[in-house]
Amino acid sequence: MKKLFITLTVASLLFTSCEKEVNPFLISSQNIGLLTDSTQIKDLKTIFANDSIANFTTTEAYLKTGADIEIFEKGGKKLLELTPTHVIDSTATIETIKIVDPRYKTEKGISTESTFGDIKAKYKISSIQNTIRNVVIFVNENNTFFTIDKKELPSDLQFKVSQKIEESNIPDTAKIKYFMVGWND
């Protein structure tokens, strides 16, 4: 009996030590580090136990319209902004995640330190949307959309909201301002 117990203990230690550790900064289609498309708001305190969660401590945060939840490192550096599917429900899941910290990278290596040229080289662009201050680049592969400040565009395109922006209008050196991952149902 004692040998069986020792054998099972050793086997379980070997099994658990072989488990692959989750990269907390890897972005894939259904997870960002330990966050998944089914993570509930109430689980954020556990997932980000070593970080600070803003707009999370009181019920009033959920009653505000568009109450994003901001995640900061203990040192104060902003990591992510999470938008819940429902603002009053602690069992709600996450609808969108705004990636702020450059350590977060897609499986293809794109981060907030990447450029438009990097996006073009790694993803097929499905559409480009022209907004007042930004250009939003959509890729279908992982429900990601990248935002580039219009200050990165040629001056004749910076103030025209109605003009269609093409890939050729955006310099390859244009830097990503931030990007978002959407987990819409």
Protein backbone atom coordinates (compact mmCIF):
# COMPACT_ATOMS: atom_id res chain seq x y z
CA MET A 1 0.00 0.00 0.00
CA LYS A 2 2.86 2.34 0.90
CA LYS A 3 4.54 1.68 -2.48
CA LEU A 4 1.29 2.43 -4.31
CA PHE A 5 0.93 5.74 -2.47
CA ILE A 6 4.53 6.74 -3.28
CA THR A 7 4.09 5.70 -6.92
CA LEU A 8 0.87 7.72 -7.25
CA THR A 9 2.49 10.73 -5.58
CA VAL A 10 5.50 10.64 -7.89
CA ALA A 11 3.27 10.13 -10.95
CA SER A 12 1.07 13.08 -10.00
CA LEU A 13 4.13 15.28 -9.42
CA LEU A 14 5.51 14.34 -12.81
CA PHE A 15 2.15 14.94 -14.47
CA THR A 16 1.65 18.37 -12.90
CA SER A 17 5.21 19.45 -13.61
CA CYS A 18 4.74 18.60 -17.29
CA GLU A 19 1.75 20.92 -17.66
CA LYS A 20 2.46 23.85 -19.93
CA GLU A 21 2.39 27.18 -18.12
CA VAL A 22 0.07 29.76 -19.67
CA ASN A 23 1.85 32.81 -21.07
CA PRO A 24 0.04 35.70 -19.32
CA PHE A 25 0.71 38.02 -22.29
CA LEU A 26 -0.23 35.76 -25.23
CA ILE A 27 -3.29 36.77 -27.26
CA SER A 28 -5.15 34.07 -29.16
CA SER A 29 -8.67 33.85 -30.56
CA GLN A 30 -10.24 32.63 -27.31
CA ASN A 31 -7.90 33.83 -24.58
CA ILE A 32 -5.58 36.58 -23.46
CA GLY A 33 -3.27 35.04 -20.90
CA LEU A 34 -5.57 33.60 -18.24
CA LEU A 35 -8.64 35.47 -19.54
CA THR A 36 -10.91 33.43 -21.77
CA ASP A 37 -14.01 34.22 -23.75
CA SER A 38 -16.03 32.63 -20.93
CA THR A 39 -14.31 34.36 -17.96
CA GLN A 40 -16.89 35.96 -15.70
CA ILE A 41 -16.40 39.41 -14.16
CA LYS A 42 -16.52 37.93 -10.66
CA ASP A 43 -13.39 35.86 -11.50
CA LEU A 44 -11.18 38.86 -12.29
CA LYS A 45 -10.05 39.29 -8.67
CA THR A 46 -8.61 35.78 -8.76
CA ILE A 47 -7.04 36.06 -12.22
CA PHE A 48 -5.46 39.44 -11.47
CA ALA A 49 -4.71 38.80 -7.78
CA ASN A 50 -1.27 40.43 -8.08
CA ASP A 51 -2.58 43.46 -9.99
CA SER A 52 -4.99 46.34 -9.33
CA ILE A 53 -8.50 46.37 -10.72
CA ALA A 54 -10.15 49.78 -11.15
CA ASN A 55 -13.94 50.29 -11.35
CA PHE A 56 -14.45 46.88 -9.84
CA THR A 57 -14.82 47.37 -6.10
CA THR A 58 -18.32 48.88 -5.93
CA THR A 59 -21.70 48.13 -7.40
CA GLU A 60 -21.89 51.70 -8.74
CA ALA A 61 -19.17 50.83 -11.25
CA TYR A 62 -21.55 48.32 -12.84
CA LEU A 63 -24.43 50.77 -12.87
CA LYS A 64 -22.56 53.33 -14.99
CA THR A 65 -23.09 53.10 -18.71
CA GLY A 66 -19.99 51.73 -20.38
CA ALA A 67 -18.25 50.92 -17.10
CA ASP A 68 -14.95 49.58 -18.38
CA ILE A 69 -12.80 47.67 -15.95
CA GLU A 70 -9.17 48.76 -15.99
CA ILE A 71 -6.35 46.42 -15.00
CA PHE A 72 -3.11 47.93 -13.67
CA GLU A 73 0.10 46.40 -12.43
CA LYS A 74 0.80 47.09 -8.76
CA GLY A 75 3.33 49.70 -9.90
CA GLY A 76 0.58 51.62 -11.69
CA LYS A 77 1.22 50.67 -15.32
CA LYS A 78 -2.02 50.12 -17.24
CA LEU A 79 -2.32 46.67 -18.81
CA LEU A 80 -5.84 46.23 -20.16
CA GLU A 81 -9.35 47.71 -20.33
CA LEU A 82 -12.18 45.20 -20.21
CA THR A 83 -15.75 45.86 -21.30
CA PRO A 84 -18.29 43.44 -19.80
CA THR A 85 -21.24 42.13 -21.81
CA HIS A 86 -23.61 43.43 -19.11
CA VAL A 87 -22.68 46.17 -16.68
CA ILE A 88 -24.84 45.13 -13.73
CA ASP A 89 -24.18 41.39 -13.76
CA SER A 90 -21.08 39.98 -12.00
CA THR A 91 -21.63 36.74 -13.92
CA ALA A 92 -21.31 38.62 -17.21
CA THR A 93 -18.43 37.73 -19.49
CA ILE A 94 -16.02 40.04 -21.27
CA GLU A 95 -17.13 41.51 -24.57
CA THR A 96 -14.02 43.46 -25.61
CA ILE A 97 -10.47 43.86 -24.32
CA LYS A 98 -8.39 46.93 -25.09
CA ILE A 99 -4.71 45.99 -25.16
CA VAL A 100 -2.54 48.78 -23.77
CA ASP A 101 0.66 47.15 -22.50
CA PRO A 102 3.21 46.20 -25.22
CA ARG A 103 4.04 42.88 -23.53
CA TYR A 104 0.72 41.51 -24.79
CA LYS A 105 1.31 39.96 -28.21
CA THR A 106 -0.80 38.05 -30.69
CA GLU A 107 0.25 34.56 -31.70
CA LYS A 108 1.82 36.23 -34.76
CA GLY A 109 3.86 38.63 -32.62
CA ILE A 110 1.87 41.86 -33.02
CA SER A 111 1.86 44.24 -30.02
CA THR A 112 1.22 47.92 -29.38
CA GLU A 113 4.83 48.50 -30.43
CA SER A 114 4.13 47.10 -33.92
CA THR A 115 3.44 49.08 -37.07
CA PHE A 116 0.91 48.92 -39.88
CA GLY A 117 3.56 47.20 -42.00
CA ASP A 118 3.78 44.46 -39.35
CA ILE A 119 0.00 44.01 -39.44
CA LYS A 120 -0.02 43.74 -43.26
CA ALA A 121 2.80 41.21 -43.21
CA LYS A 122 1.10 38.93 -40.67
CA TYR A 123 -2.66 39.30 -41.25
CA LYS A 124 -5.17 39.64 -44.04
CA ILE A 125 -6.91 42.97 -43.57
CA SER A 126 -10.68 42.64 -43.94
CA SER A 127 -11.62 46.33 -43.70
CA ILE A 128 -10.43 49.79 -42.71
CA GLN A 129 -12.70 52.25 -40.96
CA ASN A 130 -12.11 56.00 -40.95
CA THR A 131 -13.15 57.73 -37.69
CA ILE A 132 -12.70 61.29 -36.42
CA ARG A 133 -9.29 60.76 -34.79
CA ASN A 134 -8.27 57.25 -35.75
CA VAL A 135 -8.14 54.62 -38.44
CA VAL A 136 -9.35 51.19 -37.36
CA ILE A 137 -7.96 48.13 -39.13
CA PHE A 138 -9.98 44.91 -38.87
CA VAL A 139 -8.59 41.42 -39.31
CA ASN A 140 -10.84 38.36 -39.21
CA GLU A 141 -8.39 35.75 -38.02
CA ASN A 142 -8.80 36.40 -34.31
CA ASN A 143 -11.50 39.04 -33.85
CA THR A 144 -8.86 41.72 -33.47
CA PHE A 145 -8.97 45.32 -34.59
CA PHE A 146 -6.03 47.69 -34.52
CA THR A 147 -6.26 51.45 -34.00
CA ILE A 148 -3.82 53.88 -35.59
CA ASP A 149 -3.88 57.59 -34.79
CA LYS A 150 -4.66 59.71 -37.85
CA LYS A 151 -1.56 61.78 -37.03
CA GLU A 152 0.34 58.85 -38.54
CA LEU A 153 -1.36 59.44 -41.94
CA PRO A 154 -0.38 61.93 -44.63
CA SER A 155 -1.67 65.41 -43.72
CA ASP A 156 -4.30 65.46 -46.49
CA LEU A 157 -6.08 62.46 -44.85
CA GLN A 158 -5.91 63.48 -41.20
CA PHE A 159 -9.07 65.62 -41.10
CA LYS A 160 -11.33 63.92 -43.65
CA VAL A 161 -13.80 61.60 -41.95
CA SER A 162 -15.85 60.82 -45.04
CA GLN A 163 -12.91 59.78 -47.22
CA LYS A 164 -12.34 56.08 -47.71
CA ILE A 165 -8.94 55.04 -46.42
CA GLU A 166 -7.17 52.28 -48.35
CA GLU A 167 -4.21 50.14 -47.27
CA SER A 168 -2.01 52.13 -49.65
CA ASN A 169 -2.90 55.37 -47.79
CA ILE A 170 -1.42 54.16 -44.51
CA PRO A 171 2.38 54.27 -44.22
CA ASP A 172 4.00 50.98 -43.22
CA THR A 173 5.73 52.89 -40.40
CA ALA A 174 2.41 54.02 -38.83
CA LYS A 175 2.44 52.91 -35.18
CA ILE A 176 -0.39 51.12 -33.44
CA LYS A 177 -2.04 53.30 -30.81
CA TYR A 178 -3.79 50.32 -29.20
CA PHE A 179 -5.73 47.32 -30.31
CA MET A 180 -8.78 45.43 -29.19
CA VAL A 181 -10.02 41.88 -29.16
CA GLY A 182 -13.77 41.30 -29.40
CA TRP A 183 -15.43 38.25 -27.95
CA ASN A 184 -18.94 38.89 -29.21
CA ASP A 185 -21.32 35.96 -29.38
